[in-house]
Amino acid sequence: MRILLKSLTFSALALYLSSNFLKASENYNLIYVEQQGCIYCEIWDEELSAIYPKTAEGNFAPLVRVDISEYDEKIEFVNPVVFTPTFILTKNLREIARIEGYIGDDLFWGMLEVVLKRETNFDEVSIIVNE
C-alpha cells in the first residue's frame, strides 16, 4: 500500500511539474495599442493601468504598451490596428486574440477572461499583489 501511495504521489508531482514547465515555456503578453489624444485610452489608464500588473491576468500576460504609430515589427499582428485602445493577446509575440475598444472595466475584465481561458491555459487562481 505504501509503494502504491508513493507511486501516486510521485506521479502527481511529475504531472504538476510538467504542467508548470509548460506554462513557464509559453510567453504570453497583452499588447496595449494606444495613441495620444485617445480619450478611451486615458480612461483605461486612469481605471486599470495601476491595477492590471497586480492581477492574475497581468501576471500571466504582462502588459506591453505600444503607440499605434510606432509598433514593433517583431510583433506579428493578424490585421493592422485601426482603433485605440486595442488589446492584443500574443503568444511568443504572435497575435492569438484581440479586444478592440474600451467601454468600462466590467466588460474589459469579462472579455479578457473569456479570451485568456479560450486561447491559453490560463486558470485564475488568485490576485497577485505587488506592493
N, C-alpha and C. Protein backbone atom coordinates (compact mmCIF):
# COMPACT_ATOMS: atom_id res chain seq x y z
N MET A 1 0.82 -1.19 0.00
CA MET A 1 0.00 0.00 0.00
C MET A 1 0.87 1.27 0.00
N ARG A 2 1.96 1.24 0.80
CA ARG A 2 2.85 2.40 0.84
C ARG A 2 3.51 2.64 -0.51
N ILE A 3 3.87 1.55 -1.20
CA ILE A 3 4.51 1.69 -2.51
C ILE A 3 3.54 2.33 -3.49
N LEU A 4 2.28 1.91 -3.46
CA LEU A 4 1.26 2.49 -4.33
C LEU A 4 1.07 3.97 -4.02
N LEU A 5 1.01 4.31 -2.74
CA LEU A 5 0.84 5.70 -2.33
C LEU A 5 2.04 6.55 -2.78
N LYS A 6 3.25 6.04 -2.60
CA LYS A 6 4.45 6.77 -3.04
C LYS A 6 4.46 6.93 -4.55
N SER A 7 4.04 5.90 -5.26
CA SER A 7 3.99 5.95 -6.72
C SER A 7 2.99 7.00 -7.19
N LEU A 8 1.81 7.03 -6.56
CA LEU A 8 0.79 8.02 -6.92
C LEU A 8 1.27 9.43 -6.59
N THR A 9 1.92 9.60 -5.45
CA THR A 9 2.45 10.91 -5.07
C THR A 9 3.50 11.38 -6.07
N PHE A 10 4.40 10.49 -6.45
CA PHE A 10 5.43 10.83 -7.42
C PHE A 10 4.80 11.19 -8.77
N SER A 11 3.80 10.42 -9.19
CA SER A 11 3.12 10.69 -10.47
C SER A 11 2.43 12.04 -10.44
N ALA A 12 1.77 12.35 -9.33
CA ALA A 12 1.09 13.64 -9.21
C ALA A 12 2.09 14.78 -9.23
N LEU A 13 3.22 14.61 -8.54
CA LEU A 13 4.26 15.63 -8.54
C LEU A 13 4.84 15.83 -9.94
N ALA A 14 5.08 14.75 -10.64
CA ALA A 14 5.62 14.84 -12.01
C ALA A 14 4.64 15.56 -12.93
N LEU A 15 3.35 15.25 -12.80
CA LEU A 15 2.33 15.90 -13.61
C LEU A 15 2.27 17.39 -13.29
N TYR A 16 2.31 17.73 -12.02
CA TYR A 16 2.28 19.13 -11.60
C TYR A 16 3.48 19.89 -12.16
N LEU A 17 4.67 19.32 -12.01
CA LEU A 17 5.88 19.98 -12.50
C LEU A 17 5.87 20.13 -14.02
N SER A 18 5.39 19.12 -14.73
CA SER A 18 5.37 19.21 -16.19
C SER A 18 4.37 20.26 -16.65
N SER A 19 3.22 20.38 -15.98
CA SER A 19 2.25 21.40 -16.38
C SER A 19 2.79 22.79 -16.08
N ASN A 20 3.51 22.95 -14.97
CA ASN A 20 4.11 24.25 -14.67
C ASN A 20 5.23 24.58 -15.63
N PHE A 21 5.99 23.59 -16.07
CA PHE A 21 7.03 23.82 -17.06
C PHE A 21 6.40 24.29 -18.37
N LEU A 22 5.29 23.66 -18.76
CA LEU A 22 4.60 24.06 -19.98
C LEU A 22 4.17 25.52 -19.88
N LYS A 23 3.59 25.90 -18.75
CA LYS A 23 3.15 27.28 -18.57
C LYS A 23 4.34 28.24 -18.64
N ALA A 24 5.44 27.86 -18.02
CA ALA A 24 6.61 28.74 -17.99
C ALA A 24 7.26 28.87 -19.36
N SER A 25 7.09 27.86 -20.21
CA SER A 25 7.74 27.90 -21.52
C SER A 25 6.95 28.72 -22.53
N GLU A 26 5.72 29.07 -22.20
CA GLU A 26 4.90 29.87 -23.10
C GLU A 26 4.99 31.34 -22.66
N ASN A 27 5.25 32.22 -23.61
CA ASN A 27 5.43 33.62 -23.30
C ASN A 27 4.23 34.42 -23.81
N TYR A 28 3.29 34.71 -22.91
CA TYR A 28 2.10 35.48 -23.27
C TYR A 28 2.28 36.93 -22.86
N ASN A 29 1.74 37.84 -23.68
CA ASN A 29 1.70 39.26 -23.37
C ASN A 29 0.37 39.82 -23.82
N LEU A 30 -0.04 40.90 -23.17
CA LEU A 30 -1.18 41.67 -23.63
C LEU A 30 -0.61 42.97 -24.18
N ILE A 31 -0.65 43.10 -25.50
CA ILE A 31 -0.15 44.30 -26.16
C ILE A 31 -1.25 45.35 -26.12
N TYR A 32 -0.96 46.48 -25.53
CA TYR A 32 -1.91 47.58 -25.39
C TYR A 32 -1.52 48.65 -26.41
N VAL A 33 -2.29 48.73 -27.49
CA VAL A 33 -2.02 49.72 -28.55
C VAL A 33 -2.82 50.97 -28.24
N GLU A 34 -2.12 52.09 -28.12
CA GLU A 34 -2.74 53.35 -27.72
C GLU A 34 -2.24 54.47 -28.63
N GLN A 35 -2.84 55.65 -28.47
CA GLN A 35 -2.33 56.83 -29.17
C GLN A 35 -2.63 58.07 -28.35
N GLN A 36 -1.81 59.08 -28.54
CA GLN A 36 -2.00 60.34 -27.83
C GLN A 36 -3.34 60.94 -28.24
N GLY A 37 -4.08 61.46 -27.26
CA GLY A 37 -5.36 62.08 -27.53
C GLY A 37 -6.54 61.12 -27.52
N CYS A 38 -6.30 59.84 -27.33
CA CYS A 38 -7.38 58.85 -27.29
C CYS A 38 -8.05 58.90 -25.91
N ILE A 39 -9.27 59.37 -25.85
CA ILE A 39 -9.97 59.53 -24.58
C ILE A 39 -10.20 58.19 -23.89
N TYR A 40 -10.49 57.14 -24.67
CA TYR A 40 -10.73 55.83 -24.08
C TYR A 40 -9.43 55.21 -23.54
N CYS A 41 -8.31 55.55 -24.17
CA CYS A 41 -7.00 55.13 -23.64
C CYS A 41 -6.76 55.80 -22.30
N GLU A 42 -7.08 57.09 -22.21
CA GLU A 42 -6.89 57.83 -20.97
C GLU A 42 -7.77 57.25 -19.85
N ILE A 43 -9.00 56.89 -20.20
CA ILE A 43 -9.90 56.30 -19.20
C ILE A 43 -9.36 54.95 -18.73
N TRP A 44 -8.90 54.11 -19.67
CA TRP A 44 -8.33 52.81 -19.29
C TRP A 44 -7.13 53.03 -18.37
N ASP A 45 -6.28 53.99 -18.73
CA ASP A 45 -5.10 54.28 -17.91
C ASP A 45 -5.51 54.68 -16.49
N GLU A 46 -6.51 55.55 -16.37
CA GLU A 46 -6.97 56.00 -15.05
C GLU A 46 -7.57 54.86 -14.24
N GLU A 47 -8.37 54.02 -14.90
CA GLU A 47 -9.11 52.98 -14.18
C GLU A 47 -8.30 51.71 -13.94
N LEU A 48 -7.45 51.31 -14.88
CA LEU A 48 -6.87 49.97 -14.80
C LEU A 48 -5.36 49.85 -14.90
N SER A 49 -4.67 50.87 -15.38
CA SER A 49 -3.23 50.67 -15.62
C SER A 49 -2.45 50.32 -14.36
N ALA A 50 -2.84 50.87 -13.22
CA ALA A 50 -2.14 50.55 -11.97
C ALA A 50 -2.56 49.19 -11.41
N ILE A 51 -3.77 48.77 -11.72
CA ILE A 51 -4.31 47.52 -11.19
C ILE A 51 -3.85 46.31 -12.00
N TYR A 52 -3.81 46.43 -13.31
CA TYR A 52 -3.56 45.28 -14.18
C TYR A 52 -2.34 44.45 -13.79
N PRO A 53 -1.18 45.05 -13.52
CA PRO A 53 0.01 44.23 -13.20
C PRO A 53 -0.13 43.44 -11.90
N LYS A 54 -1.09 43.82 -11.04
CA LYS A 54 -1.28 43.16 -9.75
C LYS A 54 -2.27 42.00 -9.81
N THR A 55 -2.84 41.75 -10.98
CA THR A 55 -3.86 40.71 -11.11
C THR A 55 -3.27 39.42 -11.64
N ALA A 56 -4.04 38.35 -11.53
CA ALA A 56 -3.63 37.07 -12.10
C ALA A 56 -3.46 37.20 -13.61
N GLU A 57 -4.36 37.96 -14.24
CA GLU A 57 -4.26 38.18 -15.68
C GLU A 57 -2.96 38.91 -16.04
N GLY A 58 -2.64 39.94 -15.27
CA GLY A 58 -1.42 40.71 -15.51
C GLY A 58 -0.15 39.91 -15.26
N ASN A 59 -0.22 39.00 -14.32
CA ASN A 59 0.92 38.12 -14.06
C ASN A 59 1.09 37.12 -15.19
N PHE A 60 -0.02 36.61 -15.70
CA PHE A 60 0.00 35.61 -16.77
C PHE A 60 0.40 36.23 -18.11
N ALA A 61 -0.17 37.40 -18.42
CA ALA A 61 0.10 38.08 -19.70
C ALA A 61 0.48 39.52 -19.41
N PRO A 62 1.74 39.78 -19.10
CA PRO A 62 2.17 41.15 -18.78
C PRO A 62 1.85 42.13 -19.91
N LEU A 63 1.54 43.35 -19.50
CA LEU A 63 1.16 44.40 -20.44
C LEU A 63 2.38 45.00 -21.12
N VAL A 64 2.27 45.17 -22.43
CA VAL A 64 3.30 45.86 -23.22
C VAL A 64 2.59 47.01 -23.93
N ARG A 65 2.98 48.23 -23.62
CA ARG A 65 2.36 49.41 -24.22
C ARG A 65 3.05 49.73 -25.55
N VAL A 66 2.23 50.00 -26.57
CA VAL A 66 2.75 50.29 -27.91
C VAL A 66 1.94 51.45 -28.49
N ASP A 67 2.61 52.44 -29.04
CA ASP A 67 1.93 53.53 -29.72
C ASP A 67 1.50 53.05 -31.10
N ILE A 68 0.30 53.42 -31.53
CA ILE A 68 -0.24 52.94 -32.81
C ILE A 68 0.65 53.33 -33.99
N SER A 69 1.36 54.44 -33.86
CA SER A 69 2.20 54.89 -34.98
C SER A 69 3.60 54.29 -34.96
N GLU A 70 3.92 53.54 -33.92
CA GLU A 70 5.29 53.05 -33.80
C GLU A 70 5.37 51.60 -33.35
N TYR A 71 4.42 50.75 -33.70
CA TYR A 71 4.52 49.42 -33.12
C TYR A 71 5.62 48.58 -33.73
N ASP A 72 6.12 47.70 -32.88
CA ASP A 72 7.32 46.90 -33.15
C ASP A 72 7.06 45.88 -34.26
N GLU A 73 7.97 45.81 -35.20
CA GLU A 73 7.84 44.85 -36.30
C GLU A 73 8.02 43.41 -35.83
N LYS A 74 8.56 43.22 -34.63
CA LYS A 74 8.74 41.87 -34.09
C LYS A 74 7.41 41.25 -33.70
N ILE A 75 6.39 42.09 -33.46
CA ILE A 75 5.07 41.59 -33.09
C ILE A 75 4.31 41.25 -34.36
N GLU A 76 3.81 40.02 -34.45
CA GLU A 76 3.09 39.57 -35.64
C GLU A 76 1.59 39.73 -35.42
N PHE A 77 1.02 40.79 -36.01
CA PHE A 77 -0.42 41.04 -35.93
C PHE A 77 -1.12 40.33 -37.08
N VAL A 78 -2.34 39.83 -36.81
CA VAL A 78 -3.14 39.20 -37.86
C VAL A 78 -3.61 40.27 -38.84
N ASN A 79 -4.08 41.40 -38.31
CA ASN A 79 -4.54 42.53 -39.12
C ASN A 79 -3.95 43.81 -38.54
N PRO A 80 -3.86 44.86 -39.35
CA PRO A 80 -3.37 46.13 -38.81
C PRO A 80 -4.29 46.65 -37.70
N VAL A 81 -3.72 47.39 -36.77
CA VAL A 81 -4.51 48.00 -35.71
C VAL A 81 -5.08 49.31 -36.24
N VAL A 82 -6.40 49.46 -36.14
CA VAL A 82 -7.08 50.64 -36.66
C VAL A 82 -7.63 51.50 -35.53
N PHE A 83 -8.12 50.86 -34.46
CA PHE A 83 -8.76 51.56 -33.35
C PHE A 83 -7.88 51.54 -32.11
N THR A 84 -8.02 52.59 -31.29
CA THR A 84 -7.37 52.57 -29.98
C THR A 84 -8.41 52.86 -28.92
N PRO A 85 -8.29 52.26 -27.78
CA PRO A 85 -7.28 51.26 -27.47
C PRO A 85 -7.63 49.91 -28.08
N THR A 86 -6.61 49.16 -28.41
CA THR A 86 -6.76 47.77 -28.84
C THR A 86 -5.83 46.94 -27.97
N PHE A 87 -6.37 45.83 -27.47
CA PHE A 87 -5.62 44.92 -26.61
C PHE A 87 -5.43 43.62 -27.37
N ILE A 88 -4.18 43.25 -27.61
CA ILE A 88 -3.88 42.08 -28.42
C ILE A 88 -3.13 41.06 -27.57
N LEU A 89 -3.75 39.91 -27.40
CA LEU A 89 -3.10 38.82 -26.67
C LEU A 89 -2.15 38.13 -27.63
N THR A 90 -0.88 38.03 -27.22
CA THR A 90 0.12 37.37 -28.06
C THR A 90 0.74 36.20 -27.32
N LYS A 91 1.15 35.23 -28.10
CA LYS A 91 1.95 34.11 -27.59
C LYS A 91 3.24 34.15 -28.38
N ASN A 92 4.35 34.35 -27.69
CA ASN A 92 5.65 34.48 -28.35
C ASN A 92 5.61 35.55 -29.44
N LEU A 93 4.95 36.68 -29.13
CA LEU A 93 4.81 37.86 -30.00
C LEU A 93 3.98 37.62 -31.26
N ARG A 94 3.16 36.57 -31.27
CA ARG A 94 2.22 36.33 -32.38
C ARG A 94 0.80 36.51 -31.85
N GLU A 95 0.02 37.32 -32.56
CA GLU A 95 -1.35 37.58 -32.13
C GLU A 95 -2.18 36.29 -32.12
N ILE A 96 -2.90 36.10 -30.99
CA ILE A 96 -3.83 34.97 -30.91
C ILE A 96 -5.25 35.42 -30.61
N ALA A 97 -5.42 36.66 -30.14
CA ALA A 97 -6.76 37.20 -29.88
C ALA A 97 -6.66 38.71 -29.75
N ARG A 98 -7.81 39.36 -29.92
CA ARG A 98 -7.84 40.83 -29.93
C ARG A 98 -9.12 41.34 -29.29
N ILE A 99 -8.97 42.40 -28.50
CA ILE A 99 -10.11 43.13 -27.93
C ILE A 99 -9.96 44.57 -28.40
N GLU A 100 -10.96 45.06 -29.13
CA GLU A 100 -10.90 46.43 -29.64
C GLU A 100 -11.81 47.33 -28.82
N GLY A 101 -11.27 48.46 -28.40
CA GLY A 101 -12.05 49.44 -27.67
C GLY A 101 -12.06 49.20 -26.17
N TYR A 102 -12.61 50.19 -25.47
CA TYR A 102 -12.76 50.11 -24.02
C TYR A 102 -13.97 50.93 -23.63
N ILE A 103 -14.96 50.26 -23.01
CA ILE A 103 -16.16 50.98 -22.57
C ILE A 103 -16.45 50.76 -21.09
N GLY A 104 -15.50 50.21 -20.38
CA GLY A 104 -15.68 50.04 -18.94
C GLY A 104 -14.93 48.83 -18.42
N ASP A 105 -14.62 48.89 -17.13
CA ASP A 105 -13.80 47.83 -16.55
C ASP A 105 -14.50 46.49 -16.47
N ASP A 106 -15.80 46.46 -16.19
CA ASP A 106 -16.51 45.18 -16.11
C ASP A 106 -16.45 44.42 -17.43
N LEU A 107 -16.73 45.10 -18.51
CA LEU A 107 -16.69 44.46 -19.83
C LEU A 107 -15.27 44.06 -20.20
N PHE A 108 -14.29 44.90 -19.90
CA PHE A 108 -12.90 44.58 -20.20
C PHE A 108 -12.47 43.30 -19.49
N TRP A 109 -12.70 43.23 -18.17
CA TRP A 109 -12.27 42.04 -17.42
C TRP A 109 -12.99 40.80 -17.90
N GLY A 110 -14.29 40.93 -18.18
CA GLY A 110 -15.05 39.78 -18.68
C GLY A 110 -14.54 39.28 -20.02
N MET A 111 -14.30 40.21 -20.94
CA MET A 111 -13.79 39.82 -22.26
C MET A 111 -12.39 39.23 -22.16
N LEU A 112 -11.54 39.83 -21.32
CA LEU A 112 -10.18 39.34 -21.17
C LEU A 112 -10.17 37.93 -20.58
N GLU A 113 -11.02 37.69 -19.60
CA GLU A 113 -11.10 36.35 -19.01
C GLU A 113 -11.54 35.32 -20.04
N VAL A 114 -12.54 35.65 -20.83
CA VAL A 114 -13.01 34.72 -21.87
C VAL A 114 -11.88 34.42 -22.86
N VAL A 115 -11.19 35.46 -23.31
CA VAL A 115 -10.10 35.29 -24.28
C VAL A 115 -8.98 34.44 -23.68
N LEU A 116 -8.58 34.75 -22.46
CA LEU A 116 -7.49 34.00 -21.82
C LEU A 116 -7.84 32.53 -21.64
N LYS A 117 -9.06 32.26 -21.19
CA LYS A 117 -9.46 30.86 -20.97
C LYS A 117 -9.64 30.12 -22.29
N ARG A 118 -10.10 30.82 -23.32
CA ARG A 118 -10.33 30.18 -24.61
C ARG A 118 -9.02 29.92 -25.36
N GLU A 119 -8.08 30.84 -25.29
CA GLU A 119 -6.88 30.79 -26.12
C GLU A 119 -5.62 30.29 -25.42
N THR A 120 -5.66 30.18 -24.08
CA THR A 120 -4.45 29.81 -23.33
C THR A 120 -4.79 28.78 -22.27
N ASN A 121 -3.80 28.47 -21.46
CA ASN A 121 -4.01 27.58 -20.33
C ASN A 121 -4.23 28.37 -19.04
N PHE A 122 -4.68 29.60 -19.18
CA PHE A 122 -4.92 30.47 -18.03
C PHE A 122 -6.02 29.90 -17.15
N ASP A 123 -5.74 29.87 -15.88
CA ASP A 123 -6.74 29.46 -14.90
C ASP A 123 -6.53 30.34 -13.69
N GLU A 124 -7.41 31.30 -13.52
CA GLU A 124 -7.23 32.27 -12.44
C GLU A 124 -7.24 31.57 -11.09
N VAL A 125 -6.19 31.78 -10.35
CA VAL A 125 -6.06 31.18 -9.02
C VAL A 125 -6.22 32.25 -7.95
N SER A 126 -5.49 33.34 -8.10
CA SER A 126 -5.56 34.40 -7.11
C SER A 126 -5.03 35.69 -7.70
N ILE A 127 -5.31 36.77 -7.03
CA ILE A 127 -4.77 38.07 -7.45
C ILE A 127 -3.38 38.20 -6.86
N ILE A 128 -2.44 38.55 -7.70
CA ILE A 128 -1.07 38.76 -7.26
C ILE A 128 -0.95 40.21 -6.80
N VAL A 129 -0.56 40.41 -5.58
CA VAL A 129 -0.43 41.76 -5.05
C VAL A 129 1.05 42.11 -4.95
N ASN A 130 1.44 43.12 -5.70
CA ASN A 130 2.83 43.61 -5.66
C ASN A 130 2.83 44.96 -4.96
N GLU A 131 3.31 45.00 -3.77
CA GLU A 131 3.34 46.28 -3.06
C GLU A 131 4.75 46.77 -2.91
